[in-house]
Amino acid sequence: MRVKFNGIKKQARRSGCTSCGRRMSSYTFEREKVIFFPTGARKLFVAGEIYEVSDEDGLFLLEQRYDQQDQKTYMFEQVK
């Protein structure tokens, strides 16, 4: 199975404007992530790169997600 790592967009900090009270946020983009597989193996993934993995590991990676502004965002996508 071939998968692509999309990276992770994280909220770096949240602050408010002192005069109007408006909430403001800044974001960072995490380009690299080390994933530990259920088998105990670990692998470094870089955003935008395509990786060939076993079907079992691929299904595990496709389930990896994070919350971004109250919605679930997946870290990996399957490519052909």
PDB file of N, CA and C in Angstrom:
ATOM      1  N   MET A   1       0.848  -1.169   0.000  1.00  0.00           N
ATOM      2  CA  MET A   1       0.000   0.000   0.000  1.00  0.00           C
ATOM      3  C   MET A   1       0.897   1.237   0.000  1.00  0.00           C
ATOM      4  N   ARG A   2       0.482   2.252  -0.734  1.00  0.00           N
ATOM      5  CA  ARG A   2       1.212   3.514  -0.788  1.00  0.00           C
ATOM      6  C   ARG A   2       0.410   4.589  -0.066  1.00  0.00           C
ATOM      7  N   VAL A   3       1.068   5.308   0.830  1.00  0.00           N
ATOM      8  CA  VAL A   3       0.411   6.365   1.591  1.00  0.00           C
ATOM      9  C   VAL A   3       1.238   7.644   1.496  1.00  0.00           C
ATOM     10  N   LYS A   4       0.546   8.765   1.646  1.00  0.00           N
ATOM     11  CA  LYS A   4       1.186  10.077   1.617  1.00  0.00           C
ATOM     12  C   LYS A   4       0.924  10.772   2.948  1.00  0.00           C
ATOM     13  N   PHE A   5       1.977  11.315   3.558  1.00  0.00           N
ATOM     14  CA  PHE A   5       1.844  12.061   4.799  1.00  0.00           C
ATOM     15  C   PHE A   5       1.546  13.512   4.459  1.00  0.00           C
ATOM     16  N   ASN A   6       0.444  14.044   5.010  1.00  0.00           N
ATOM     17  CA  ASN A   6       0.009  15.405   4.703  1.00  0.00           C
ATOM     18  C   ASN A   6       0.546  16.454   5.664  1.00  0.00           C
ATOM     19  N   GLY A   7       1.177  16.041   6.753  1.00  0.00           N
ATOM     20  CA  GLY A   7       1.648  16.997   7.740  1.00  0.00           C
ATOM     21  C   GLY A   7       0.555  17.292   8.759  1.00  0.00           C
ATOM     22  N   ILE A   8       0.910  18.106   9.747  1.00  0.00           N
ATOM     23  CA  ILE A   8      -0.027  18.416  10.824  1.00  0.00           C
ATOM     24  C   ILE A   8      -0.041  19.919  11.041  1.00  0.00           C
ATOM     25  N   LYS A   9      -1.219  20.507  10.948  1.00  0.00           N
ATOM     26  CA  LYS A   9      -1.387  21.927  11.231  1.00  0.00           C
ATOM     27  C   LYS A   9      -1.780  22.063  12.693  1.00  0.00           C
ATOM     28  N   LYS A  10      -0.962  22.769  13.478  1.00  0.00           N
ATOM     29  CA  LYS A  10      -1.203  22.913  14.912  1.00  0.00           C
ATOM     30  C   LYS A  10      -1.455  24.365  15.282  1.00  0.00           C
ATOM     31  N   GLN A  11      -2.277  24.531  16.281  1.00  0.00           N
ATOM     32  CA  GLN A  11      -2.501  25.864  16.807  1.00  0.00           C
ATOM     33  C   GLN A  11      -1.372  26.176  17.780  1.00  0.00           C
ATOM     34  N   ALA A  12      -0.578  27.183  17.476  1.00  0.00           N
ATOM     35  CA  ALA A  12       0.584  27.512  18.291  1.00  0.00           C
ATOM     36  C   ALA A  12       0.192  28.281  19.544  1.00  0.00           C
ATOM     37  N   ARG A  13      -0.661  29.262  19.375  1.00  0.00           N
ATOM     38  CA  ARG A  13      -1.114  30.035  20.531  1.00  0.00           C
ATOM     39  C   ARG A  13      -2.419  30.742  20.207  1.00  0.00           C
ATOM     40  N   ARG A  14      -3.124  31.064  21.238  1.00  0.00           N
ATOM     41  CA  ARG A  14      -4.398  31.757  21.090  1.00  0.00           C
ATOM     42  C   ARG A  14      -4.346  32.966  22.016  1.00  0.00           C
ATOM     43  N   SER A  15      -4.724  34.104  21.500  1.00  0.00           N
ATOM     44  CA  SER A  15      -4.701  35.312  22.307  1.00  0.00           C
ATOM     45  C   SER A  15      -5.901  36.182  21.952  1.00  0.00           C
ATOM     46  N   GLY A  16      -6.103  37.211  22.711  1.00  0.00           N
ATOM     47  CA  GLY A  16      -7.216  38.121  22.462  1.00  0.00           C
ATOM     48  C   GLY A  16      -6.730  39.553  22.330  1.00  0.00           C
ATOM     49  N   CYS A  17      -7.431  40.306  21.543  1.00  0.00           N
ATOM     50  CA  CYS A  17      -7.123  41.718  21.354  1.00  0.00           C
ATOM     51  C   CYS A  17      -7.561  42.474  22.610  1.00  0.00           C
ATOM     52  N   THR A  18      -6.691  43.317  23.145  1.00  0.00           N
ATOM     53  CA  THR A  18      -7.016  44.033  24.381  1.00  0.00           C
ATOM     54  C   THR A  18      -8.061  45.122  24.170  1.00  0.00           C
ATOM     55  N   SER A  19      -8.164  45.686  22.964  1.00  0.00           N
ATOM     56  CA  SER A  19      -9.125  46.768  22.750  1.00  0.00           C
ATOM     57  C   SER A  19     -10.502  46.270  22.312  1.00  0.00           C
ATOM     58  N   CYS A  20     -10.552  45.256  21.431  1.00  0.00           N
ATOM     59  CA  CYS A  20     -11.865  44.811  20.933  1.00  0.00           C
ATOM     60  C   CYS A  20     -12.285  43.448  21.489  1.00  0.00           C
ATOM     61  N   GLY A  21     -11.366  42.696  22.074  1.00  0.00           N
ATOM     62  CA  GLY A  21     -11.700  41.395  22.646  1.00  0.00           C
ATOM     63  C   GLY A  21     -11.751  40.258  21.646  1.00  0.00           C
ATOM     64  N   ARG A  22     -11.418  40.525  20.401  1.00  0.00           N
ATOM     65  CA  ARG A  22     -11.453  39.497  19.353  1.00  0.00           C
ATOM     66  C   ARG A  22     -10.396  38.427  19.622  1.00  0.00           C
ATOM     67  N   ARG A  23     -10.784  37.163  19.434  1.00  0.00           N
ATOM     68  CA  ARG A  23      -9.869  36.037  19.626  1.00  0.00           C
ATOM     69  C   ARG A  23      -9.023  35.859  18.375  1.00  0.00           C
ATOM     70  N   MET A  24      -7.720  35.699  18.563  1.00  0.00           N
ATOM     71  CA  MET A  24      -6.804  35.523  17.443  1.00  0.00           C
ATOM     72  C   MET A  24      -5.956  34.291  17.708  1.00  0.00           C
ATOM     73  N   SER A  25      -5.605  33.576  16.654  1.00  0.00           N
ATOM     74  CA  SER A  25      -4.801  32.366  16.777  1.00  0.00           C
ATOM     75  C   SER A  25      -3.686  32.393  15.746  1.00  0.00           C
ATOM     76  N   SER A  26      -2.600  31.742  16.076  1.00  0.00           N
ATOM     77  CA  SER A  26      -1.535  31.542  15.103  1.00  0.00           C
ATOM     78  C   SER A  26      -1.298  30.039  14.985  1.00  0.00           C
ATOM     79  N   TYR A  27      -0.870  29.611  13.817  1.00  0.00           N
ATOM     80  CA  TYR A  27      -0.710  28.185  13.536  1.00  0.00           C
ATOM     81  C   TYR A  27       0.701  27.877  13.074  1.00  0.00           C
ATOM     82  N   THR A  28       1.109  26.650  13.302  1.00  0.00           N
ATOM     83  CA  THR A  28       2.373  26.141  12.788  1.00  0.00           C
ATOM     84  C   THR A  28       2.074  24.880  11.981  1.00  0.00           C
ATOM     85  N   PHE A  29       3.005  24.505  11.124  1.00  0.00           N
ATOM     86  CA  PHE A  29       2.839  23.312  10.308  1.00  0.00           C
ATOM     87  C   PHE A  29       3.958  22.349  10.653  1.00  0.00           C
ATOM     88  N   GLU A  30       3.601  21.186  11.157  1.00  0.00           N
ATOM     89  CA  GLU A  30       4.578  20.167  11.513  1.00  0.00           C
ATOM     90  C   GLU A  30       4.845  19.314  10.278  1.00  0.00           C
ATOM     91  N   ARG A  31       6.066  19.405   9.748  1.00  0.00           N
ATOM     92  CA  ARG A  31       6.426  18.707   8.512  1.00  0.00           C
ATOM     93  C   ARG A  31       6.925  17.294   8.737  1.00  0.00           C
ATOM     94  N   GLU A  32       7.395  16.992   9.934  1.00  0.00           N
ATOM     95  CA  GLU A  32       7.936  15.660  10.221  1.00  0.00           C
ATOM     96  C   GLU A  32       7.240  15.063  11.421  1.00  0.00           C
ATOM     97  N   LYS A  33       7.038  13.741  11.377  1.00  0.00           N
ATOM     98  CA  LYS A  33       6.371  13.052  12.475  1.00  0.00           C
ATOM     99  C   LYS A  33       6.930  11.643  12.562  1.00  0.00           C
ATOM    100  N   VAL A  34       7.294  11.224  13.764  1.00  0.00           N
ATOM    101  CA  VAL A  34       7.719   9.850  13.999  1.00  0.00           C
ATOM    102  C   VAL A  34       6.495   9.075  14.466  1.00  0.00           C
ATOM    103  N   ILE A  35       6.182   7.993  13.773  1.00  0.00           N
ATOM    104  CA  ILE A  35       5.034   7.152  14.101  1.00  0.00           C
ATOM    105  C   ILE A  35       5.552   5.815  14.622  1.00  0.00           C
ATOM    106  N   PHE A  36       4.981   5.384  15.742  1.00  0.00           N
ATOM    107  CA  PHE A  36       5.276   4.062  16.290  1.00  0.00           C
ATOM    108  C   PHE A  36       4.143   3.121  15.892  1.00  0.00           C
ATOM    109  N   PHE A  37       4.481   2.058  15.189  1.00  0.00           N
ATOM    110  CA  PHE A  37       3.494   1.082  14.733  1.00  0.00           C
ATOM    111  C   PHE A  37       3.166   0.106  15.866  1.00  0.00           C
ATOM    112  N   PRO A  38       1.997  -0.548  15.809  1.00  0.00           N
ATOM    113  CA  PRO A  38       1.633  -1.525  16.834  1.00  0.00           C
ATOM    114  C   PRO A  38       2.646  -2.672  16.964  1.00  0.00           C
ATOM    115  N   THR A  39       3.400  -2.926  15.920  1.00  0.00           N
ATOM    116  CA  THR A  39       4.401  -3.994  15.961  1.00  0.00           C
ATOM    117  C   THR A  39       5.652  -3.578  16.739  1.00  0.00           C
ATOM    118  N   GLY A  40       5.756  -2.292  17.091  1.00  0.00           N
ATOM    119  CA  GLY A  40       6.912  -1.787  17.812  1.00  0.00           C
ATOM    120  C   GLY A  40       7.892  -1.041  16.925  1.00  0.00           C
ATOM    121  N   ALA A  41       7.735  -1.171  15.621  1.00  0.00           N
ATOM    122  CA  ALA A  41       8.621  -0.461  14.689  1.00  0.00           C
ATOM    123  C   ALA A  41       8.275   1.031  14.697  1.00  0.00           C
ATOM    124  N   ARG A  42       9.254   1.841  14.324  1.00  0.00           N
ATOM    125  CA  ARG A  42       8.998   3.270  14.225  1.00  0.00           C
ATOM    126  C   ARG A  42       9.545   3.785  12.907  1.00  0.00           C
ATOM    127  N   LYS A  43       8.934   4.856  12.405  1.00  0.00           N
ATOM    128  CA  LYS A  43       9.346   5.394  11.114  1.00  0.00           C
ATOM    129  C   LYS A  43       9.116   6.896  11.107  1.00  0.00           C
ATOM    130  N   LEU A  44      10.028   7.622  10.490  1.00  0.00           N
ATOM    131  CA  LEU A  44       9.914   9.058  10.337  1.00  0.00           C
ATOM    132  C   LEU A  44       9.214   9.362   9.017  1.00  0.00           C
ATOM    133  N   PHE A  45       8.177  10.183   9.064  1.00  0.00           N
ATOM    134  CA  PHE A  45       7.441  10.584   7.870  1.00  0.00           C
ATOM    135  C   PHE A  45       7.636  12.071   7.644  1.00  0.00           C
ATOM    136  N   VAL A  46       7.795  12.467   6.380  1.00  0.00           N
ATOM    137  CA  VAL A  46       7.983  13.858   5.986  1.00  0.00           C
ATOM    138  C   VAL A  46       6.796  14.269   5.118  1.00  0.00           C
ATOM    139  N   ALA A  47       6.248  15.446   5.371  1.00  0.00           N
ATOM    140  CA  ALA A  47       5.062  15.923   4.648  1.00  0.00           C
ATOM    141  C   ALA A  47       5.308  15.957   3.144  1.00  0.00           C
ATOM    142  N   GLY A  48       4.315  15.480   2.398  1.00  0.00           N
ATOM    143  CA  GLY A  48       4.369  15.491   0.946  1.00  0.00           C
ATOM    144  C   GLY A  48       5.026  14.267   0.337  1.00  0.00           C
ATOM    145  N   GLU A  49       5.678  13.462   1.131  1.00  0.00           N
ATOM    146  CA  GLU A  49       6.358  12.263   0.624  1.00  0.00           C
ATOM    147  C   GLU A  49       5.398  11.079   0.570  1.00  0.00           C
ATOM    148  N   ILE A  50       5.652  10.178  -0.385  1.00  0.00           N
ATOM    149  CA  ILE A  50       4.851   8.962  -0.541  1.00  0.00           C
ATOM    150  C   ILE A  50       5.690   7.781  -0.073  1.00  0.00           C
ATOM    151  N   TYR A  51       5.074   6.908   0.720  1.00  0.00           N
ATOM    152  CA  TYR A  51       5.770   5.769   1.311  1.00  0.00           C
ATOM    153  C   TYR A  51       5.071   4.471   0.956  1.00  0.00           C
ATOM    154  N   GLU A  52       5.861   3.445   0.706  1.00  0.00           N
ATOM    155  CA  GLU A  52       5.355   2.096   0.467  1.00  0.00           C
ATOM    156  C   GLU A  52       5.400   1.361   1.797  1.00  0.00           C
ATOM    157  N   VAL A  53       4.226   0.926   2.286  1.00  0.00           N
ATOM    158  CA  VAL A  53       4.136   0.224   3.569  1.00  0.00           C
ATOM    159  C   VAL A  53       3.286  -1.025   3.380  1.00  0.00           C
ATOM    160  N   SER A  54       3.343  -1.927   4.346  1.00  0.00           N
ATOM    161  CA  SER A  54       2.505  -3.125   4.275  1.00  0.00           C
ATOM    162  C   SER A  54       1.040  -2.721   4.426  1.00  0.00           C
ATOM    163  N   ASP A  55       0.141  -3.601   4.017  1.00  0.00           N
ATOM    164  CA  ASP A  55      -1.291  -3.303   4.115  1.00  0.00           C
ATOM    165  C   ASP A  55      -1.715  -3.068   5.560  1.00  0.00           C
ATOM    166  N   GLU A  56      -1.175  -3.861   6.481  1.00  0.00           N
ATOM    167  CA  GLU A  56      -1.521  -3.714   7.900  1.00  0.00           C
ATOM    168  C   GLU A  56      -1.058  -2.353   8.435  1.00  0.00           C
ATOM    169  N   ASP A  57       0.178  -1.985   8.131  1.00  0.00           N
ATOM    170  CA  ASP A  57       0.690  -0.690   8.566  1.00  0.00           C
ATOM    171  C   ASP A  57      -0.049   0.455   7.876  1.00  0.00           C
ATOM    172  N   GLY A  58      -0.399   0.262   6.610  1.00  0.00           N
ATOM    173  CA  GLY A  58      -1.131   1.284   5.872  1.00  0.00           C
ATOM    174  C   GLY A  58      -2.489   1.569   6.474  1.00  0.00           C
ATOM    175  N   LEU A  59      -3.210   0.524   6.862  1.00  0.00           N
ATOM    176  CA  LEU A  59      -4.514   0.727   7.500  1.00  0.00           C
ATOM    177  C   LEU A  59      -4.366   1.457   8.828  1.00  0.00           C
ATOM    178  N   PHE A  60      -3.312   1.141   9.564  1.00  0.00           N
ATOM    179  CA  PHE A  60      -3.043   1.835  10.826  1.00  0.00           C
ATOM    180  C   PHE A  60      -2.784   3.322  10.570  1.00  0.00           C
ATOM    181  N   LEU A  61      -1.982   3.634   9.549  1.00  0.00           N
ATOM    182  CA  LEU A  61      -1.658   5.025   9.246  1.00  0.00           C
ATOM    183  C   LEU A  61      -2.875   5.807   8.762  1.00  0.00           C
ATOM    184  N   LEU A  62      -3.730   5.166   7.983  1.00  0.00           N
ATOM    185  CA  LEU A  62      -4.918   5.857   7.477  1.00  0.00           C
ATOM    186  C   LEU A  62      -5.905   6.225   8.580  1.00  0.00           C
ATOM    187  N   GLU A  63      -5.795   5.590   9.740  1.00  0.00           N
ATOM    188  CA  GLU A  63      -6.659   5.910  10.875  1.00  0.00           C
ATOM    189  C   GLU A  63      -6.126   7.071  11.713  1.00  0.00           C
ATOM    190  N   GLN A  64      -4.871   7.470  11.508  1.00  0.00           N
ATOM    191  CA  GLN A  64      -4.264   8.526  12.319  1.00  0.00           C
ATOM    192  C   GLN A  64      -4.862   9.877  11.955  1.00  0.00           C
ATOM    193  N   ARG A  65      -5.354  10.586  12.976  1.00  0.00           N
ATOM    194  CA  ARG A  65      -5.982  11.883  12.733  1.00  0.00           C
ATOM    195  C   ARG A  65      -5.783  12.781  13.945  1.00  0.00           C
ATOM    196  N   TYR A  66      -6.147  14.033  13.772  1.00  0.00           N
ATOM    197  CA  TYR A  66      -6.063  15.003  14.853  1.00  0.00           C
ATOM    198  C   TYR A  66      -7.226  15.982  14.717  1.00  0.00           C
ATOM    199  N   ASP A  67      -7.513  16.705  15.795  1.00  0.00           N
ATOM    200  CA  ASP A  67      -8.596  17.690  15.785  1.00  0.00           C
ATOM    201  C   ASP A  67      -8.056  19.033  15.319  1.00  0.00           C
ATOM    202  N   GLN A  68      -8.784  19.630  14.385  1.00  0.00           N
ATOM    203  CA  GLN A  68      -8.429  20.954  13.887  1.00  0.00           C
ATOM    204  C   GLN A  68      -9.700  21.775  13.803  1.00  0.00           C
ATOM    205  N   GLN A  69      -9.834  22.743  14.668  1.00  0.00           N
ATOM    206  CA  GLN A  69     -11.004  23.613  14.708  1.00  0.00           C
ATOM    207  C   GLN A  69     -12.293  22.797  14.735  1.00  0.00           C
ATOM    208  N   ASP A  70     -12.397  21.899  15.691  1.00  0.00           N
ATOM    209  CA  ASP A  70     -13.579  21.071  15.929  1.00  0.00           C
ATOM    210  C   ASP A  70     -13.920  20.128  14.783  1.00  0.00           C
ATOM    211  N   GLN A  71     -12.970  19.768  13.959  1.00  0.00           N
ATOM    212  CA  GLN A  71     -13.198  18.748  12.936  1.00  0.00           C
ATOM    213  C   GLN A  71     -11.987  17.828  12.887  1.00  0.00           C
ATOM    214  N   LYS A  72     -12.219  16.586  12.505  1.00  0.00           N
ATOM    215  CA  LYS A  72     -11.156  15.579  12.429  1.00  0.00           C
ATOM    216  C   LYS A  72     -10.431  15.704  11.087  1.00  0.00           C
ATOM    217  N   THR A  73      -9.110  15.761  11.160  1.00  0.00           N
ATOM    218  CA  THR A  73      -8.287  15.841   9.962  1.00  0.00           C
ATOM    219  C   THR A  73      -7.339  14.645   9.956  1.00  0.00           C
ATOM    220  N   TYR A  74      -7.296  13.929   8.851  1.00  0.00           N
ATOM    221  CA  TYR A  74      -6.447  12.741   8.740  1.00  0.00           C
ATOM    222  C   TYR A  74      -5.037  13.138   8.305  1.00  0.00           C
ATOM    223  N   MET A  75      -4.039  12.480   8.917  1.00  0.00           N
ATOM    224  CA  MET A  75      -2.637  12.778   8.621  1.00  0.00           C
ATOM    225  C   MET A  75      -2.155  12.127   7.348  1.00  0.00           C
ATOM    226  N   PHE A  76      -2.766  11.000   6.955  1.00  0.00           N
ATOM    227  CA  PHE A  76      -2.315  10.238   5.793  1.00  0.00           C
ATOM    228  C   PHE A  76      -3.452  10.031   4.813  1.00  0.00           C
ATOM    229  N   GLU A  77      -3.097   9.853   3.548  1.00  0.00           N
ATOM    230  CA  GLU A  77      -4.070   9.475   2.528  1.00  0.00           C
ATOM    231  C   GLU A  77      -3.456   8.409   1.648  1.00  0.00           C
ATOM    232  N   GLN A  78      -4.303   7.546   1.124  1.00  0.00           N
ATOM    233  CA  GLN A  78      -3.835   6.470   0.259  1.00  0.00           C
ATOM    234  C   GLN A  78      -3.681   6.998  -1.155  1.00  0.00           C
ATOM    235  N   VAL A  79      -2.583   6.648  -1.801  1.00  0.00           N
ATOM    236  CA  VAL A  79      -2.342   7.046  -3.184  1.00  0.00           C
ATOM    237  C   VAL A  79      -2.148   5.798  -4.028  1.00  0.00           C
ATOM    238  N   LYS A  80      -2.365   5.931  -5.321  1.00  0.00           N
ATOM    239  CA  LYS A  80      -2.247   4.781  -6.224  1.00  0.00           C
ATOM    240  C   LYS A  80      -0.963   4.810  -6.982  1.00  0.00           C
TER     241      LYS A  80
END
